[in-house]
Amino acid sequence: MVGSGPNGLSAAIRLAQEGAKVLVLEAKATPGGGMRTGEVTLPGFHHDLCSACHPTGELSPFWRTLPLEAHGLRWVHPSASVAHPLDGEPAVLLSRDLTETADNLGPDARAYLRLCKPFKKRIDALLGDALAPLRWPKDPVTLARFGLRAALPATTLARTAFRGPRARALLAGNAGHSVLPLEQPVSGALGLLFALMGHAVDWPVVEGGSGNLARALVRVLESLGGHVRTSRHVRGLDDLPPARVYLFDTSPAQLANVCGPVLPPGYVARLRRYRYGPGSFKVDWALSEPIPWKDPRVARASTVHLGGTLEEIAASERAMWEGRHTERPYMILVQASAHDATRAPDGRHTGYAYAHVPAGSTADRTAVLEAQIERFAPGFRDTILARRSWNADAWEAHNPNYVGGAITGGVADVFQLFTRPVARLDPYATPNRRLFLCSASTPPGGGVHGMCGYWAAESALRQLPRFAPRRLK
């Protein structure tokens, strides 16, 4: 196994469950991939370096079968999953209580209930099918009902389902996680799915930081006899030990770079044509006090979507897709310390926010992000003790999987959602029967849920008995 992100560790655990001897090679000094936490601003302030809030983690069909809590994981739940501030009126809150959420949507309360209620009790079945490769679904009726709405662009879904700006803004904020223009088909899917997850579980953070999720997964793997070796950067075939099969939790580009000599040139060329999409610009803040939101209820949520109305968010996401920056970006902000006191010294707080930017952008967007927060939380700048900014290039330097700063594993549009990294009946397998890709660049794509790794391991298990351990050549 090469790479120890959520998918690499999940694949390793699944293989170990079947009695395979598993070795994970990790280039960094610590395992985790996007699940890392560090003191990057001031001592005592613990910042999640990439993933921070984990609805798909707690609801992951595979991780729910693992004894993660017995190995040190503790989920910390807020009283609301999402807050969406708006100018001149109270924020919209997405909480586990479906009726409470509907009640703060004004004229669209009934419409929201009609949209979400049929799926509330079927969220486990829906996620089981949504977080899987293209196959016959286990619950085809639920998935078909979901797909009739979710296949629409988010802008179309918002405007046909709702009349008022509040419900439309809530859907747009959720849909922004897709890193697609909201006018594109299937962008509505993530908007609706994230809303449904908020009615299944209050979106949690990990006590002490996302790095503790990685530690719990490593401990599960070790309890099954697997091993992780850190500071082992795999640059070529000579860096790989003998094995029966190899799984790469890497970008398609890295797979091509390392394994090009044992793959057909045509397949390598297709890997290199993989589309990664826009990047991200992120800032971590050490704060003297909680963020001073105009609407104090925003503090209830683990995640805050900043960007205003549906129209504003759609314009921001269209701009980054077209290679432009905007002065009022759509942002995802996580206020972990508001719910987890271990993140900062007594009385102090951390802040985390990112916006989508053109791929490879080196622009410093710190002032723009802070101005957008200040718009909904006047006095925010006065609370800043220290900050660290990450442009798109810095993201890729931190983790080569984030090509051009793309932190979700690549574009998830209709052309690449189920054909990632290339169109094959088994998207995890390669023409070399001993070689598999298990990263977020395979179905079901980005998110800290481990399901790409789980399905890749299932594919690898079918080949495992065919081979004896030997070098890849």
Protein backbone atom coordinates (compact mmCIF):
# COMPACT_ATOMS: atom_id res chain seq x y z
CA MET A 1 0.00 0.00 0.00
CA VAL A 2 1.36 3.42 -1.01
CA GLY A 3 -0.13 6.38 0.88
CA SER A 4 -1.92 6.53 4.23
CA GLY A 5 -4.83 8.86 3.63
CA PRO A 6 -8.37 7.84 4.58
CA ASN A 7 -8.64 5.60 1.53
CA GLY A 8 -5.22 4.02 1.85
CA LEU A 9 -5.82 3.11 5.48
CA SER A 10 -9.31 1.82 4.70
CA ALA A 11 -7.99 -0.38 1.91
CA ALA A 12 -5.24 -1.67 4.19
CA ILE A 13 -7.73 -2.49 6.97
CA ARG A 14 -10.08 -4.29 4.57
CA LEU A 15 -7.22 -6.42 3.22
CA ALA A 16 -5.99 -7.18 6.74
CA GLN A 17 -9.49 -8.25 7.76
CA GLU A 18 -9.18 -11.03 5.17
CA GLY A 19 -5.87 -12.19 6.58
CA ALA A 20 -3.55 -10.43 4.12
CA LYS A 21 -0.18 -9.21 5.35
CA VAL A 22 -0.33 -5.45 4.81
CA LEU A 23 2.43 -2.85 4.73
CA VAL A 24 1.59 0.83 4.21
CA LEU A 25 4.33 3.17 2.95
CA GLU A 26 3.87 6.86 3.79
CA ALA A 27 6.13 9.64 2.50
CA LYS A 28 5.46 11.99 5.43
CA ALA A 29 6.74 11.61 8.97
CA THR A 30 3.20 10.90 10.20
CA PRO A 31 0.34 8.97 8.57
CA GLY A 32 -3.00 10.48 7.65
CA GLY A 33 -3.01 12.19 4.26
CA GLY A 34 -5.70 14.86 4.59
CA MET A 35 -6.35 13.80 8.20
CA ARG A 36 -3.60 15.74 9.93
CA THR A 37 -3.51 18.34 12.70
CA GLY A 38 -0.66 20.73 13.51
CA GLU A 39 0.34 23.82 15.49
CA VAL A 40 0.86 25.96 12.40
CA THR A 41 0.13 29.38 13.94
CA LEU A 42 1.01 29.55 17.67
CA PRO A 43 1.90 26.92 20.28
CA GLY A 44 -1.18 25.30 21.75
CA PHE A 45 -3.44 26.09 18.78
CA HIS A 46 -4.25 22.83 16.98
CA HIS A 47 -5.36 23.32 13.37
CA ASP A 48 -6.73 20.69 11.00
CA LEU A 49 -4.51 20.95 7.94
CA CYS A 50 -7.10 19.71 5.44
CA SER A 51 -10.21 17.79 6.49
CA ALA A 52 -11.91 19.30 9.52
CA CYS A 53 -15.59 18.37 9.70
CA HIS A 54 -16.64 14.78 9.08
CA PRO A 55 -20.28 13.97 8.28
CA THR A 56 -19.26 11.31 5.75
CA GLY A 57 -16.72 9.99 8.26
CA GLU A 58 -19.24 9.19 10.96
CA LEU A 59 -21.76 7.94 8.38
CA SER A 60 -19.22 5.95 6.33
CA PRO A 61 -20.71 2.48 5.66
CA PHE A 62 -17.28 0.88 6.20
CA TRP A 63 -15.99 2.92 9.11
CA ARG A 64 -19.21 2.31 11.03
CA THR A 65 -18.22 -1.36 11.17
CA LEU A 66 -14.82 -0.57 12.72
CA PRO A 67 -14.10 -0.17 16.48
CA LEU A 68 -12.69 3.33 16.02
CA GLU A 69 -13.98 4.59 19.37
CA ALA A 70 -12.26 1.70 21.13
CA HIS A 71 -9.01 2.88 19.53
CA GLY A 72 -9.26 6.47 20.78
CA LEU A 73 -11.60 8.28 18.37
CA ARG A 74 -14.17 10.64 19.85
CA TRP A 75 -16.66 12.47 17.65
CA VAL A 76 -17.71 15.88 18.97
CA HIS A 77 -21.14 17.00 17.82
CA PRO A 78 -22.38 20.60 17.62
CA SER A 79 -26.06 21.49 18.03
CA ALA A 80 -26.25 22.39 14.31
CA SER A 81 -24.33 21.17 11.29
CA VAL A 82 -24.38 24.27 9.10
CA ALA A 83 -24.96 27.98 9.58
CA HIS A 84 -25.46 30.15 6.52
CA PRO A 85 -25.32 33.88 7.37
CA LEU A 86 -27.27 36.34 5.22
CA ASP A 87 -27.18 40.12 5.04
CA GLY A 88 -29.79 41.93 7.12
CA GLU A 89 -31.60 38.87 8.46
CA PRO A 90 -30.99 35.88 10.75
CA ALA A 91 -28.72 33.10 9.55
CA VAL A 92 -30.15 29.87 8.16
CA LEU A 93 -29.36 26.86 10.36
CA LEU A 94 -29.25 23.22 9.27
CA SER A 95 -29.75 21.00 12.32
CA ARG A 96 -30.54 17.35 12.80
CA ASP A 97 -34.14 18.26 13.57
CA LEU A 98 -35.85 18.40 10.19
CA THR A 99 -38.73 20.51 11.48
CA GLU A 100 -36.43 23.02 13.20
CA THR A 101 -34.51 23.45 9.95
CA ALA A 102 -37.67 23.88 7.90
CA ASP A 103 -39.08 26.42 10.37
CA ASN A 104 -36.24 28.89 9.65
CA LEU A 105 -36.83 28.79 5.88
CA GLY A 106 -39.83 31.11 5.83
CA PRO A 107 -42.24 30.42 2.95
CA ASP A 108 -40.31 27.30 1.93
CA ALA A 109 -40.80 25.30 5.14
CA ARG A 110 -43.29 22.89 3.58
CA ALA A 111 -41.32 22.60 0.36
CA TYR A 112 -38.18 21.68 2.31
CA LEU A 113 -40.06 19.02 4.26
CA ARG A 114 -41.44 17.57 1.02
CA LEU A 115 -37.94 17.46 -0.46
CA CYS A 116 -36.13 15.88 2.49
CA LYS A 117 -38.66 13.88 4.50
CA PRO A 118 -38.88 10.89 2.10
CA PHE A 119 -35.14 10.30 2.51
CA LYS A 120 -34.63 10.98 6.22
CA LYS A 121 -35.25 7.39 7.31
CA ARG A 122 -33.43 6.00 4.27
CA ILE A 123 -30.17 7.94 4.58
CA ASP A 124 -28.10 4.84 5.40
CA ALA A 125 -29.39 3.03 2.32
CA LEU A 126 -28.94 6.14 0.19
CA LEU A 127 -25.35 6.66 1.34
CA GLY A 128 -24.60 2.98 0.82
CA ASP A 129 -25.50 3.37 -2.85
CA ALA A 130 -24.14 6.91 -3.31
CA LEU A 131 -20.75 6.03 -1.81
CA ALA A 132 -20.15 3.16 -4.21
CA PRO A 133 -18.98 2.64 -7.81
CA LEU A 134 -21.50 2.38 -10.62
CA ARG A 135 -23.47 -0.82 -9.98
CA TRP A 136 -27.02 -2.06 -9.46
CA PRO A 137 -28.10 -0.26 -6.27
CA LYS A 138 -29.19 -2.09 -3.15
CA ASP A 139 -32.11 0.31 -2.76
CA PRO A 140 -32.99 1.26 -6.36
CA VAL A 141 -36.27 2.95 -5.48
CA THR A 142 -34.70 5.38 -3.00
CA LEU A 143 -31.74 6.09 -5.29
CA ALA A 144 -34.06 6.69 -8.26
CA ARG A 145 -36.20 9.13 -6.28
CA PHE A 146 -33.07 10.92 -5.15
CA GLY A 147 -31.61 10.97 -8.66
CA LEU A 148 -34.67 12.59 -10.21
CA ARG A 149 -33.93 15.73 -8.21
CA ALA A 150 -30.20 15.41 -7.58
CA ALA A 151 -29.24 15.11 -11.24
CA LEU A 152 -30.32 18.73 -11.75
CA PRO A 153 -27.94 21.67 -11.54
CA ALA A 154 -28.04 23.18 -8.07
CA THR A 155 -29.36 26.47 -9.44
CA THR A 156 -32.24 24.68 -11.17
CA LEU A 157 -33.05 22.54 -8.14
CA ALA A 158 -33.01 25.55 -5.83
CA ARG A 159 -35.24 27.64 -8.09
CA THR A 160 -37.77 24.89 -8.84
CA ALA A 161 -37.98 23.54 -5.28
CA PHE A 162 -38.01 26.86 -3.39
CA ARG A 163 -39.48 30.33 -3.72
CA GLY A 164 -37.47 32.29 -1.14
CA PRO A 165 -33.81 33.23 -0.78
CA ARG A 166 -33.21 31.41 2.52
CA ALA A 167 -33.81 27.85 1.35
CA ARG A 168 -32.08 28.59 -1.95
CA ALA A 169 -29.00 29.88 -0.12
CA LEU A 170 -28.89 26.81 2.15
CA LEU A 171 -28.96 24.45 -0.84
CA ALA A 172 -26.33 26.51 -2.69
CA GLY A 173 -23.99 26.50 0.30
CA ASN A 174 -24.18 22.72 0.52
CA ALA A 175 -23.80 22.33 -3.24
CA GLY A 176 -20.63 24.43 -3.19
CA HIS A 177 -18.80 21.42 -1.71
CA SER A 178 -19.03 19.83 -5.17
CA VAL A 179 -16.40 22.29 -6.55
CA LEU A 180 -18.54 22.58 -9.68
CA PRO A 181 -20.29 25.55 -11.24
CA LEU A 182 -23.77 25.39 -9.74
CA GLU A 183 -25.24 25.53 -13.26
CA GLN A 184 -23.73 22.11 -14.07
CA PRO A 185 -25.76 18.89 -13.89
CA VAL A 186 -25.35 16.78 -10.71
CA SER A 187 -24.17 19.80 -8.69
CA GLY A 188 -27.54 19.59 -6.96
CA ALA A 189 -26.75 16.06 -5.77
CA LEU A 190 -24.22 17.13 -3.17
CA GLY A 191 -26.40 20.03 -2.07
CA LEU A 192 -29.28 17.68 -1.28
CA LEU A 193 -27.07 14.88 0.07
CA PHE A 194 -25.27 17.19 2.50
CA ALA A 195 -28.62 18.48 3.75
CA LEU A 196 -29.80 14.92 4.34
CA MET A 197 -26.59 14.04 6.19
CA GLY A 198 -27.26 17.03 8.45
CA HIS A 199 -30.58 15.41 9.37
CA ALA A 200 -28.88 12.09 10.10
CA VAL A 201 -26.03 13.37 12.29
CA ASP A 202 -24.85 16.75 13.53
CA TRP A 203 -21.70 17.18 11.44
CA PRO A 204 -18.92 16.27 13.88
CA VAL A 205 -15.35 17.31 14.42
CA VAL A 206 -12.78 14.98 15.96
CA GLU A 207 -11.75 15.70 19.52
CA GLY A 208 -8.15 16.92 19.43
CA GLY A 209 -8.10 17.23 15.64
CA SER A 210 -8.52 15.14 12.52
CA GLY A 211 -5.11 13.60 13.11
CA ASN A 212 -6.77 11.52 15.83
CA LEU A 213 -9.03 9.93 13.22
CA ALA A 214 -5.90 8.82 11.34
CA ARG A 215 -4.40 7.47 14.57
CA ALA A 216 -7.52 5.44 15.31
CA LEU A 217 -7.48 3.93 11.81
CA VAL A 218 -3.78 3.07 12.16
CA ARG A 219 -4.47 1.39 15.51
CA VAL A 220 -7.25 -0.69 13.96
CA LEU A 221 -4.87 -1.73 11.19
CA GLU A 222 -2.15 -2.62 13.68
CA SER A 223 -4.62 -4.67 15.73
CA LEU A 224 -5.17 -6.76 12.58
CA GLY A 225 -1.44 -7.28 12.09
CA GLY A 226 -0.83 -4.52 9.54
CA HIS A 227 2.06 -2.04 9.65
CA VAL A 228 2.67 1.58 8.60
CA ARG A 229 6.16 2.80 7.75
CA THR A 230 6.54 6.58 7.57
CA SER A 231 9.17 8.70 5.80
CA ARG A 232 9.16 6.19 2.93
CA HIS A 233 8.71 8.25 -0.23
CA VAL A 234 7.95 6.02 -3.23
CA ARG A 235 9.40 7.68 -6.32
CA GLY A 236 9.87 4.64 -8.53
CA LEU A 237 9.45 0.89 -8.77
CA ASP A 238 12.73 0.30 -6.93
CA ASP A 239 11.20 1.87 -3.81
CA LEU A 240 8.51 -0.84 -3.63
CA PRO A 241 9.11 -4.03 -1.63
CA PRO A 242 7.98 -7.44 -2.96
CA ALA A 243 4.21 -7.96 -2.64
CA ARG A 244 1.34 -9.87 -4.19
CA VAL A 245 -0.62 -6.73 -5.08
CA TYR A 246 -0.02 -2.98 -4.80
CA LEU A 247 -2.61 -0.30 -4.05
CA PHE A 248 -1.85 3.40 -4.56
CA ASP A 249 -3.63 6.07 -2.52
CA THR A 250 -2.25 8.73 -4.87
CA SER A 251 -3.26 10.95 -7.74
CA PRO A 252 -3.44 9.39 -11.22
CA ALA A 253 -0.38 11.49 -12.13
CA GLN A 254 1.68 9.93 -9.33
CA LEU A 255 0.55 6.45 -10.31
CA ALA A 256 1.70 7.18 -13.87
CA ASN A 257 5.03 8.56 -12.67
CA VAL A 258 5.86 5.58 -10.47
CA CYS A 259 4.30 2.72 -12.41
CA GLY A 260 4.53 3.92 -16.00
CA PRO A 261 7.09 1.21 -16.90
CA VAL A 262 4.65 -1.60 -15.98
CA LEU A 263 1.53 -0.08 -17.54
CA PRO A 264 0.51 0.20 -21.22
CA PRO A 265 1.43 3.60 -22.73
CA GLY A 266 -2.18 4.22 -23.73
CA TYR A 267 -3.41 3.76 -20.17
CA VAL A 268 -0.65 6.02 -18.84
CA ALA A 269 -1.66 8.68 -21.35
CA ARG A 270 -5.26 8.47 -20.13
CA LEU A 271 -4.11 8.84 -16.53
CA ARG A 272 -2.25 11.99 -17.50
CA ARG A 273 -5.41 13.43 -19.09
CA TYR A 274 -7.31 13.16 -15.82
CA ARG A 275 -8.96 16.48 -14.87
CA TYR A 276 -8.31 17.77 -11.34
CA GLY A 277 -10.26 21.02 -11.49
CA PRO A 278 -9.91 24.18 -9.39
CA GLY A 279 -7.71 24.59 -6.34
CA SER A 280 -8.27 26.06 -2.89
CA PHE A 281 -6.91 28.92 -0.81
CA LYS A 282 -7.02 28.33 2.94
CA VAL A 283 -6.25 30.34 6.06
CA ASP A 284 -5.81 29.07 9.63
CA TRP A 285 -6.22 31.61 12.42
CA ALA A 286 -5.30 31.68 16.08
CA LEU A 287 -7.98 33.83 17.72
CA SER A 288 -8.23 35.65 21.03
CA GLU A 289 -11.96 34.87 21.32
CA PRO A 290 -14.82 33.24 19.40
CA ILE A 291 -15.71 34.69 16.00
CA PRO A 292 -18.08 37.62 16.74
CA TRP A 293 -20.96 36.69 14.42
CA LYS A 294 -23.74 39.25 13.91
CA ASP A 295 -26.16 36.40 14.55
CA PRO A 296 -24.89 34.60 17.67
CA ARG A 297 -26.69 31.41 16.60
CA VAL A 298 -24.00 30.87 13.95
CA ALA A 299 -21.76 29.69 16.80
CA ARG A 300 -23.98 26.60 17.14
CA ALA A 301 -22.69 25.11 13.88
CA SER A 302 -19.47 23.25 13.20
CA THR A 303 -19.49 24.47 9.58
CA VAL A 304 -20.34 27.92 8.25
CA HIS A 305 -21.05 28.56 4.57
CA LEU A 306 -20.15 32.14 3.66
CA GLY A 307 -21.18 33.64 0.37
CA GLY A 308 -24.63 35.11 0.74
CA THR A 309 -27.38 34.30 -1.72
CA LEU A 310 -27.71 31.56 -4.31
CA GLU A 311 -26.83 34.07 -7.01
CA GLU A 312 -23.66 35.22 -5.21
CA ILE A 313 -22.45 31.69 -4.57
CA ALA A 314 -23.17 30.61 -8.14
CA ALA A 315 -21.21 33.61 -9.45
CA SER A 316 -18.25 32.81 -7.20
CA GLU A 317 -18.07 29.14 -8.21
CA ARG A 318 -18.49 30.02 -11.90
CA ALA A 319 -15.59 32.46 -11.62
CA MET A 320 -13.11 29.98 -10.15
CA TRP A 321 -14.09 27.44 -12.83
CA GLU A 322 -13.37 30.04 -15.52
CA GLY A 323 -9.96 30.85 -14.02
CA ARG A 324 -10.96 34.07 -12.25
CA HIS A 325 -10.82 35.23 -8.63
CA THR A 326 -13.72 37.02 -7.02
CA GLU A 327 -13.83 39.62 -4.27
CA ARG A 328 -16.81 37.94 -2.55
CA PRO A 329 -15.92 34.26 -2.61
CA TYR A 330 -17.96 31.32 -1.46
CA MET A 331 -16.16 30.00 1.62
CA ILE A 332 -16.33 26.99 3.91
CA LEU A 333 -15.42 27.87 7.49
CA VAL A 334 -15.02 25.42 10.38
CA GLN A 335 -15.04 26.61 13.98
CA ALA A 336 -13.82 23.44 15.71
CA SER A 337 -12.76 25.13 18.94
CA ALA A 338 -16.32 26.32 19.54
CA HIS A 339 -17.19 22.66 20.17
CA ASP A 340 -13.86 21.08 21.13
CA ALA A 341 -12.02 22.85 23.94
CA THR A 342 -8.83 20.85 23.31
CA ARG A 343 -8.07 22.85 20.15
CA ALA A 344 -6.76 26.03 21.81
CA PRO A 345 -5.55 27.39 25.17
CA ASP A 346 -8.23 28.36 27.67
CA GLY A 347 -10.37 31.20 26.36
CA ARG A 348 -8.69 31.16 22.94
CA HIS A 349 -10.00 29.77 19.66
CA THR A 350 -9.02 28.52 16.23
CA GLY A 351 -10.51 29.39 12.85
CA TYR A 352 -10.28 27.58 9.52
CA ALA A 353 -11.67 28.67 6.16
CA TYR A 354 -11.02 28.09 2.49
CA ALA A 355 -12.32 29.29 -0.85
CA HIS A 356 -12.07 27.73 -4.28
CA VAL A 357 -9.59 29.38 -6.66
CA PRO A 358 -8.25 28.65 -10.15
CA ALA A 359 -5.96 25.63 -10.32
CA GLY A 360 -2.37 26.44 -9.40
CA SER A 361 -3.23 29.95 -8.20
CA THR A 362 -0.42 31.67 -6.31
CA ALA A 363 -2.51 34.73 -5.43
CA ASP A 364 -2.67 35.74 -1.78
CA ARG A 365 -6.38 35.81 -0.93
CA THR A 366 -5.98 36.28 2.82
CA ALA A 367 -7.44 39.79 2.92
CA VAL A 368 -10.36 38.76 0.70
CA LEU A 369 -11.28 35.82 2.93
CA GLU A 370 -11.02 37.94 6.06
CA ALA A 371 -13.20 40.64 4.51
CA GLN A 372 -15.89 38.06 3.71
CA ILE A 373 -15.87 36.88 7.33
CA GLU A 374 -15.91 40.49 8.54
CA ARG A 375 -19.04 41.01 6.44
CA PHE A 376 -20.96 38.63 8.72
CA ALA A 377 -18.81 38.99 11.85
CA PRO A 378 -17.73 42.64 12.32
CA GLY A 379 -14.63 42.87 14.49
CA PHE A 380 -13.26 39.50 13.36
CA ARG A 381 -9.90 41.00 12.39
CA ASP A 382 -9.48 42.34 15.93
CA THR A 383 -9.55 38.78 17.29
CA ILE A 384 -6.67 37.52 15.11
CA LEU A 385 -3.51 36.64 17.03
CA ALA A 386 -1.74 34.85 14.16
CA ARG A 387 -2.52 33.29 10.82
CA ARG A 388 -1.11 30.93 8.23
CA SER A 389 -2.23 31.06 4.59
CA TRP A 390 -2.05 28.26 2.02
CA ASN A 391 -2.34 29.02 -1.72
CA ALA A 392 -3.06 26.34 -4.32
CA ASP A 393 0.65 25.70 -4.91
CA ALA A 394 1.24 25.26 -1.18
CA TRP A 395 -1.52 22.65 -1.06
CA GLU A 396 0.22 20.56 -3.72
CA ALA A 397 3.59 20.97 -1.99
CA HIS A 398 2.00 19.79 1.25
CA ASN A 399 0.34 16.80 -0.41
CA PRO A 400 1.13 15.83 -4.04
CA ASN A 401 -2.35 14.26 -4.29
CA TYR A 402 -3.76 17.81 -4.39
CA VAL A 403 -2.71 18.57 -7.95
CA GLY A 404 -3.03 22.31 -8.59
CA GLY A 405 -4.53 22.66 -5.11
CA ALA A 406 -7.49 20.37 -5.88
CA ILE A 407 -8.26 18.83 -2.49
CA THR A 408 -11.20 16.60 -3.54
CA GLY A 409 -9.40 14.20 -5.86
CA GLY A 410 -10.52 15.70 -9.16
CA VAL A 411 -13.52 16.95 -11.10
CA ALA A 412 -16.74 15.07 -10.26
CA ASP A 413 -18.91 16.17 -13.19
CA VAL A 414 -21.08 13.94 -15.40
CA PHE A 415 -18.05 13.10 -17.56
CA GLN A 416 -15.79 11.94 -14.72
CA LEU A 417 -18.01 11.02 -11.76
CA PHE A 418 -18.08 7.27 -12.42
CA THR A 419 -15.29 7.04 -15.01
CA ARG A 420 -12.53 8.25 -12.71
CA PRO A 421 -9.60 7.90 -13.27
CA VAL A 422 -10.39 6.34 -16.68
CA ALA A 423 -13.44 4.54 -18.08
CA ARG A 424 -13.16 0.86 -17.06
CA LEU A 425 -15.61 -1.76 -15.82
CA ASP A 426 -13.50 -1.91 -12.66
CA PRO A 427 -12.31 1.67 -12.02
CA TYR A 428 -9.86 0.59 -9.29
CA ALA A 429 -8.03 -2.01 -11.38
CA THR A 430 -5.39 -1.21 -13.97
CA PRO A 431 -4.22 -3.22 -17.01
CA ASN A 432 -1.55 -4.62 -14.68
CA ARG A 433 -3.54 -7.13 -12.61
CA ARG A 434 -1.34 -6.60 -9.53
CA LEU A 435 -1.78 -2.84 -9.48
CA PHE A 436 -4.74 -0.82 -8.16
CA LEU A 437 -5.66 2.82 -7.50
CA CYS A 438 -7.61 3.49 -4.29
CA SER A 439 -7.53 7.29 -3.88
CA ALA A 440 -10.26 9.92 -4.09
CA SER A 441 -9.57 9.93 -7.83
CA THR A 442 -11.70 6.76 -7.97
CA PRO A 443 -15.44 6.39 -7.21
CA PRO A 444 -17.17 7.64 -5.14
CA GLY A 445 -14.66 10.51 -5.07
CA GLY A 446 -13.69 13.15 -2.55
CA GLY A 447 -14.58 13.18 1.13
CA VAL A 448 -13.20 11.61 4.27
CA HIS A 449 -15.15 8.35 4.23
CA GLY A 450 -12.65 5.70 3.13
CA MET A 451 -15.04 4.13 0.64
CA CYS A 452 -12.72 4.50 -2.37
CA GLY A 453 -10.21 2.42 -0.45
CA TYR A 454 -12.81 -0.10 0.66
CA TRP A 455 -14.02 -0.77 -2.89
CA ALA A 456 -10.47 -0.89 -4.25
CA ALA A 457 -9.59 -3.48 -1.61
CA GLU A 458 -12.61 -5.56 -2.64
CA SER A 459 -11.27 -5.46 -6.20
CA ALA A 460 -7.75 -6.38 -5.08
CA LEU A 461 -9.00 -9.28 -2.95
CA ARG A 462 -10.34 -10.96 -6.08
CA GLN A 463 -6.81 -10.99 -7.54
CA LEU A 464 -4.82 -11.68 -4.37
CA PRO A 465 -4.86 -15.51 -4.55
CA ARG A 466 -3.41 -15.47 -8.08
CA PHE A 467 -0.01 -14.09 -7.14
CA ALA A 468 3.00 -14.85 -4.97
CA PRO A 469 4.95 -11.98 -3.42
CA ARG A 470 7.42 -10.50 -5.91
CA ARG A 471 8.58 -7.12 -7.13
CA LEU A 472 6.46 -5.11 -9.53
CA LYS A 473 8.11 -5.27 -12.94
